[in-house]
Each structure stands twice: as C-alpha cells, then as structure tokens.
C-alpha cells in the first residue's frame, strides 16, 4: 500500500471508530436500536466509499466485485446482512465499527 493509500486507510479506520460518538445522542433522541444500527452501517459504508474515491479504478472494481459476491452489495455488508448474520441489532451496531484487517488479506 502506498503512503497516500495508507493515510486514507488510517483516516477511514479512525472515522469508523469515531462513529461510536454518534450512539449516545441518537439514543437520547429516542432512536431505536435498529434505527441506530442502520444509520451507523450506512455511515460506515459512506465513509468506505469516500476512502475508495482515491484508489485506482481497477482496485475499486476488484473490491466491488468481491463484495457483490460475498455480501450482495458492491460497497460491502449492509445492516440487513449483519442482522441476518448476528440476529440482533446490538451486534449490528458493534459490527459497524469493525474494519477489515488488511494484513490478513480480504
């Protein structure tokens, strides 16, 4: 990974982890656990797309093809995919903060 790509990746991971700060205000505003989970997963996927905007098109195409095969969505897993895997919205919220360990490959 180039220095620029590493910096974008680090920024993405930090931004995903910072999504935790959104939970309390949403909860205090009366949002349901499901609504919070859906919001956080959507925000995570938007951050992912922003981070990928600086990647070469051929790399983005490979990631999109892999995600489409695995998750049925070129961006990656959505809230419904996570719910089907974990069975509860609290687990989906926690999943929204996880990012792939690139040292292990995709």
N, C-alpha and C. Protein backbone atom coordinates (compact mmCIF):
# COMPACT_ATOMS: atom_id res chain seq x y z
N UNK A 1 0.85 -1.16 0.00
CA UNK A 1 0.00 0.00 0.00
C UNK A 1 0.90 1.23 0.00
N UNK A 2 0.59 2.19 -0.87
CA UNK A 2 1.39 3.41 -0.94
C UNK A 2 1.13 4.28 0.29
N UNK A 3 2.00 5.26 0.49
CA UNK A 3 1.84 6.16 1.63
C UNK A 3 0.51 6.87 1.62
N UNK A 4 0.07 7.32 0.43
CA UNK A 4 -1.21 8.00 0.32
C UNK A 4 -2.36 7.05 0.66
N UNK A 5 -2.28 5.83 0.15
CA UNK A 5 -3.32 4.83 0.44
C UNK A 5 -3.33 4.48 1.92
N UNK A 6 -2.15 4.37 2.51
CA UNK A 6 -2.06 4.08 3.95
C UNK A 6 -2.70 5.20 4.77
N UNK A 7 -2.45 6.44 4.37
CA UNK A 7 -3.03 7.58 5.09
C UNK A 7 -4.55 7.58 4.95
N UNK A 8 -5.06 7.31 3.74
CA UNK A 8 -6.51 7.25 3.54
C UNK A 8 -7.11 6.13 4.37
N UNK A 9 -6.42 4.99 4.41
CA UNK A 9 -6.91 3.85 5.19
C UNK A 9 -6.95 4.21 6.67
N UNK A 10 -5.90 4.83 7.17
CA UNK A 10 -5.85 5.22 8.59
C UNK A 10 -6.96 6.22 8.90
N UNK A 11 -7.20 7.16 8.00
CA UNK A 11 -8.28 8.13 8.20
C UNK A 11 -9.63 7.43 8.23
N UNK A 12 -9.83 6.46 7.32
CA UNK A 12 -11.08 5.71 7.27
C UNK A 12 -11.30 4.94 8.57
N UNK A 13 -10.29 4.23 9.03
CA UNK A 13 -10.42 3.44 10.26
C UNK A 13 -10.73 4.36 11.44
N UNK A 14 -10.05 5.50 11.53
CA UNK A 14 -10.31 6.45 12.62
C UNK A 14 -11.74 6.99 12.54
N UNK A 15 -12.21 7.29 11.34
CA UNK A 15 -13.57 7.81 11.17
C UNK A 15 -14.61 6.76 11.54
N UNK A 16 -14.35 5.51 11.17
CA UNK A 16 -15.28 4.43 11.53
C UNK A 16 -15.34 4.28 13.05
N UNK A 17 -14.19 4.29 13.69
CA UNK A 17 -14.18 4.16 15.15
C UNK A 17 -14.86 5.36 15.82
N UNK A 18 -14.76 6.54 15.21
CA UNK A 18 -15.39 7.74 15.76
C UNK A 18 -16.91 7.69 15.66
N UNK A 19 -17.44 6.80 14.84
CA UNK A 19 -18.90 6.66 14.75
C UNK A 19 -19.52 6.31 16.10
N UNK A 20 -18.73 5.72 17.00
CA UNK A 20 -19.23 5.39 18.34
C UNK A 20 -19.80 6.62 19.04
N UNK A 21 -19.22 7.78 18.73
CA UNK A 21 -19.66 9.02 19.37
C UNK A 21 -21.09 9.41 18.96
N UNK A 22 -21.61 8.79 17.92
CA UNK A 22 -22.97 9.11 17.46
C UNK A 22 -24.04 8.34 18.23
N UNK A 23 -23.66 7.28 18.92
CA UNK A 23 -24.66 6.40 19.54
C UNK A 23 -25.46 7.12 20.62
N UNK A 24 -24.79 7.72 21.60
CA UNK A 24 -25.50 8.33 22.73
C UNK A 24 -26.47 9.42 22.29
N UNK A 25 -26.06 10.35 21.42
CA UNK A 25 -27.03 11.37 21.00
C UNK A 25 -28.25 10.79 20.28
N UNK A 26 -28.02 9.77 19.46
CA UNK A 26 -29.15 9.14 18.76
C UNK A 26 -30.07 8.43 19.75
N UNK A 27 -29.46 7.74 20.69
CA UNK A 27 -30.24 7.05 21.73
C UNK A 27 -31.03 8.07 22.55
N UNK A 28 -30.37 9.14 22.94
CA UNK A 28 -31.03 10.19 23.73
C UNK A 28 -32.18 10.85 22.96
N UNK A 29 -32.05 10.86 21.63
CA UNK A 29 -33.10 11.45 20.79
C UNK A 29 -34.26 10.49 20.55
N UNK A 30 -34.14 9.29 21.13
CA UNK A 30 -35.24 8.34 21.04
C UNK A 30 -35.17 7.36 19.89
N UNK A 31 -34.02 7.30 19.22
CA UNK A 31 -33.88 6.36 18.12
C UNK A 31 -33.88 4.93 18.66
N UNK A 32 -34.48 4.03 17.91
CA UNK A 32 -34.47 2.61 18.27
C UNK A 32 -33.10 2.02 17.99
N UNK A 33 -32.83 0.88 18.59
CA UNK A 33 -31.57 0.19 18.34
C UNK A 33 -31.43 -0.14 16.85
N UNK A 34 -32.52 -0.56 16.23
CA UNK A 34 -32.48 -0.86 14.79
C UNK A 34 -32.14 0.38 13.98
N UNK A 35 -32.78 1.50 14.29
CA UNK A 35 -32.52 2.74 13.54
C UNK A 35 -31.07 3.18 13.71
N UNK A 36 -30.54 3.07 14.92
CA UNK A 36 -29.14 3.43 15.16
C UNK A 36 -28.23 2.51 14.36
N UNK A 37 -28.51 1.22 14.39
CA UNK A 37 -27.68 0.26 13.65
C UNK A 37 -27.69 0.58 12.16
N UNK A 38 -28.87 0.80 11.61
CA UNK A 38 -28.97 1.11 10.18
C UNK A 38 -28.22 2.40 9.83
N UNK A 39 -28.35 3.39 10.68
CA UNK A 39 -27.66 4.66 10.47
C UNK A 39 -26.14 4.46 10.48
N UNK A 40 -25.65 3.74 11.48
CA UNK A 40 -24.20 3.56 11.61
C UNK A 40 -23.63 2.74 10.46
N UNK A 41 -24.32 1.70 10.04
CA UNK A 41 -23.83 0.90 8.92
C UNK A 41 -23.83 1.74 7.64
N UNK A 42 -24.86 2.54 7.44
CA UNK A 42 -24.90 3.41 6.26
C UNK A 42 -23.76 4.43 6.30
N UNK A 43 -23.51 5.00 7.47
CA UNK A 43 -22.40 5.97 7.61
C UNK A 43 -21.07 5.29 7.34
N UNK A 44 -20.89 4.10 7.88
CA UNK A 44 -19.65 3.34 7.65
C UNK A 44 -19.45 3.09 6.17
N UNK A 45 -20.49 2.66 5.49
CA UNK A 45 -20.36 2.38 4.06
C UNK A 45 -20.11 3.65 3.26
N UNK A 46 -20.68 4.78 3.69
CA UNK A 46 -20.39 6.05 3.02
C UNK A 46 -18.93 6.44 3.22
N UNK A 47 -18.42 6.24 4.43
CA UNK A 47 -17.01 6.52 4.69
C UNK A 47 -16.12 5.63 3.82
N UNK A 48 -16.53 4.38 3.66
CA UNK A 48 -15.77 3.44 2.83
C UNK A 48 -15.71 3.94 1.39
N UNK A 49 -16.85 4.38 0.87
CA UNK A 49 -16.88 4.89 -0.50
C UNK A 49 -16.01 6.13 -0.64
N UNK A 50 -16.06 7.01 0.33
CA UNK A 50 -15.21 8.20 0.30
C UNK A 50 -13.73 7.82 0.29
N UNK A 51 -13.36 6.85 1.11
CA UNK A 51 -11.97 6.42 1.18
C UNK A 51 -11.52 5.79 -0.13
N UNK A 52 -12.40 5.07 -0.76
CA UNK A 52 -12.06 4.40 -2.02
C UNK A 52 -11.99 5.35 -3.20
N UNK A 53 -12.52 6.54 -3.05
CA UNK A 53 -12.52 7.51 -4.15
C UNK A 53 -11.11 7.82 -4.63
N UNK A 54 -10.13 7.69 -3.76
CA UNK A 54 -8.75 7.96 -4.14
C UNK A 54 -8.00 6.75 -4.66
N UNK A 55 -8.64 5.60 -4.68
CA UNK A 55 -7.99 4.37 -5.15
C UNK A 55 -8.11 4.24 -6.66
N UNK A 56 -7.18 3.52 -7.28
CA UNK A 56 -7.28 3.27 -8.72
C UNK A 56 -8.57 2.53 -9.05
N UNK A 57 -9.17 2.89 -10.18
CA UNK A 57 -10.45 2.31 -10.57
C UNK A 57 -10.42 0.79 -10.63
N UNK A 58 -9.31 0.22 -11.10
CA UNK A 58 -9.25 -1.24 -11.21
C UNK A 58 -9.26 -1.92 -9.84
N UNK A 59 -8.68 -1.27 -8.84
CA UNK A 59 -8.69 -1.82 -7.48
C UNK A 59 -10.10 -1.72 -6.90
N UNK A 60 -10.74 -0.58 -7.10
CA UNK A 60 -12.11 -0.39 -6.62
C UNK A 60 -13.03 -1.42 -7.27
N UNK A 61 -12.83 -1.68 -8.56
CA UNK A 61 -13.65 -2.67 -9.27
C UNK A 61 -13.46 -4.06 -8.68
N UNK A 62 -12.24 -4.41 -8.32
CA UNK A 62 -11.98 -5.72 -7.70
C UNK A 62 -12.66 -5.82 -6.33
N UNK A 63 -12.57 -4.76 -5.54
CA UNK A 63 -13.22 -4.76 -4.22
C UNK A 63 -14.73 -4.84 -4.38
N UNK A 64 -15.27 -4.11 -5.34
CA UNK A 64 -16.72 -4.12 -5.56
C UNK A 64 -17.19 -5.50 -6.00
N UNK A 65 -16.43 -6.15 -6.88
CA UNK A 65 -16.82 -7.49 -7.35
C UNK A 65 -16.79 -8.49 -6.20
N UNK A 66 -15.77 -8.42 -5.38
CA UNK A 66 -15.67 -9.32 -4.22
C UNK A 66 -16.82 -9.09 -3.25
N UNK A 67 -17.12 -7.82 -2.97
CA UNK A 67 -18.21 -7.52 -2.04
C UNK A 67 -19.56 -7.93 -2.61
N UNK A 68 -19.74 -7.77 -3.90
CA UNK A 68 -21.00 -8.18 -4.52
C UNK A 68 -21.20 -9.68 -4.38
N UNK A 69 -20.12 -10.44 -4.61
CA UNK A 69 -20.19 -11.90 -4.44
C UNK A 69 -20.49 -12.28 -2.99
N UNK A 70 -19.78 -11.66 -2.07
CA UNK A 70 -19.87 -12.06 -0.66
C UNK A 70 -21.10 -11.51 0.05
N UNK A 71 -21.42 -10.24 -0.22
CA UNK A 71 -22.47 -9.56 0.55
C UNK A 71 -23.71 -9.19 -0.26
N UNK A 72 -23.63 -9.34 -1.58
CA UNK A 72 -24.75 -8.93 -2.43
C UNK A 72 -24.82 -7.43 -2.64
N UNK A 73 -23.75 -6.72 -2.29
CA UNK A 73 -23.69 -5.26 -2.42
C UNK A 73 -22.25 -4.88 -2.75
N UNK A 74 -22.03 -4.06 -3.77
CA UNK A 74 -20.65 -3.73 -4.14
C UNK A 74 -19.89 -2.92 -3.10
N UNK A 75 -20.60 -2.25 -2.21
CA UNK A 75 -19.92 -1.45 -1.17
C UNK A 75 -19.49 -2.33 -0.01
N UNK A 76 -20.28 -3.32 0.31
CA UNK A 76 -19.97 -4.19 1.44
C UNK A 76 -21.25 -4.55 2.18
N UNK A 77 -21.12 -5.17 3.33
CA UNK A 77 -22.31 -5.62 4.05
C UNK A 77 -23.18 -4.45 4.52
N UNK A 78 -24.48 -4.64 4.36
CA UNK A 78 -25.44 -3.66 4.84
C UNK A 78 -26.01 -4.12 6.17
N UNK A 79 -26.88 -3.31 6.73
CA UNK A 79 -27.47 -3.61 8.03
C UNK A 79 -28.24 -4.93 8.01
N UNK A 80 -28.98 -5.19 6.94
CA UNK A 80 -29.75 -6.43 6.86
C UNK A 80 -28.84 -7.65 6.81
N UNK A 81 -27.71 -7.53 6.10
CA UNK A 81 -26.75 -8.64 6.03
C UNK A 81 -26.21 -8.93 7.43
N UNK A 82 -25.81 -7.87 8.14
CA UNK A 82 -25.30 -8.05 9.50
C UNK A 82 -26.37 -8.65 10.41
N UNK A 83 -27.62 -8.18 10.28
CA UNK A 83 -28.68 -8.71 11.14
C UNK A 83 -28.90 -10.19 10.86
N UNK A 84 -28.86 -10.58 9.60
CA UNK A 84 -29.02 -11.99 9.25
C UNK A 84 -27.88 -12.82 9.85
N UNK A 85 -26.70 -12.24 9.93
CA UNK A 85 -25.54 -12.96 10.48
C UNK A 85 -25.60 -13.03 12.01
N UNK A 86 -25.93 -11.92 12.66
CA UNK A 86 -25.83 -11.84 14.12
C UNK A 86 -27.16 -11.98 14.86
N UNK A 87 -28.26 -11.66 14.21
CA UNK A 87 -29.57 -11.88 14.81
C UNK A 87 -30.06 -10.84 15.79
N UNK A 88 -29.29 -9.79 16.02
CA UNK A 88 -29.78 -8.72 16.90
C UNK A 88 -29.10 -7.40 16.53
N UNK A 89 -29.82 -6.32 16.82
CA UNK A 89 -29.34 -5.01 16.39
C UNK A 89 -28.15 -4.52 17.20
N UNK A 90 -28.02 -4.93 18.45
CA UNK A 90 -26.85 -4.53 19.24
C UNK A 90 -25.58 -5.06 18.59
N UNK A 91 -25.62 -6.28 18.09
CA UNK A 91 -24.45 -6.85 17.42
C UNK A 91 -24.18 -6.14 16.10
N UNK A 92 -25.23 -5.71 15.42
CA UNK A 92 -25.05 -4.96 14.17
C UNK A 92 -24.35 -3.64 14.47
N UNK A 93 -24.74 -2.98 15.56
CA UNK A 93 -24.08 -1.73 15.94
C UNK A 93 -22.60 -1.98 16.16
N UNK A 94 -22.25 -3.03 16.88
CA UNK A 94 -20.84 -3.33 17.11
C UNK A 94 -20.11 -3.66 15.81
N UNK A 95 -20.79 -4.36 14.91
CA UNK A 95 -20.18 -4.71 13.63
C UNK A 95 -19.88 -3.47 12.79
N UNK A 96 -20.64 -2.42 12.98
CA UNK A 96 -20.43 -1.19 12.21
C UNK A 96 -19.07 -0.57 12.48
N UNK A 97 -18.45 -0.92 13.60
CA UNK A 97 -17.16 -0.33 13.96
C UNK A 97 -15.97 -1.18 13.54
N UNK A 98 -16.24 -2.36 13.00
CA UNK A 98 -15.15 -3.24 12.59
C UNK A 98 -14.73 -2.93 11.16
N UNK A 99 -13.44 -2.96 10.95
CA UNK A 99 -12.89 -2.79 9.62
C UNK A 99 -12.02 -4.00 9.31
N UNK A 100 -11.84 -4.27 8.04
CA UNK A 100 -11.05 -5.43 7.63
C UNK A 100 -9.60 -5.26 8.06
N UNK A 101 -9.00 -6.33 8.52
CA UNK A 101 -7.57 -6.35 8.84
C UNK A 101 -6.85 -6.65 7.53
N UNK A 102 -6.32 -5.62 6.90
CA UNK A 102 -5.70 -5.80 5.59
C UNK A 102 -4.45 -6.64 5.64
N UNK A 103 -3.85 -6.81 6.81
CA UNK A 103 -2.67 -7.66 6.91
C UNK A 103 -3.04 -9.12 6.70
N UNK A 104 -4.33 -9.46 6.89
CA UNK A 104 -4.79 -10.83 6.69
C UNK A 104 -5.35 -11.04 5.30
N UNK A 105 -5.41 -9.97 4.51
CA UNK A 105 -5.99 -10.06 3.17
C UNK A 105 -7.49 -10.03 3.25
N UNK A 106 -8.09 -9.87 2.07
CA UNK A 106 -9.54 -9.85 2.01
C UNK A 106 -9.97 -11.18 1.52
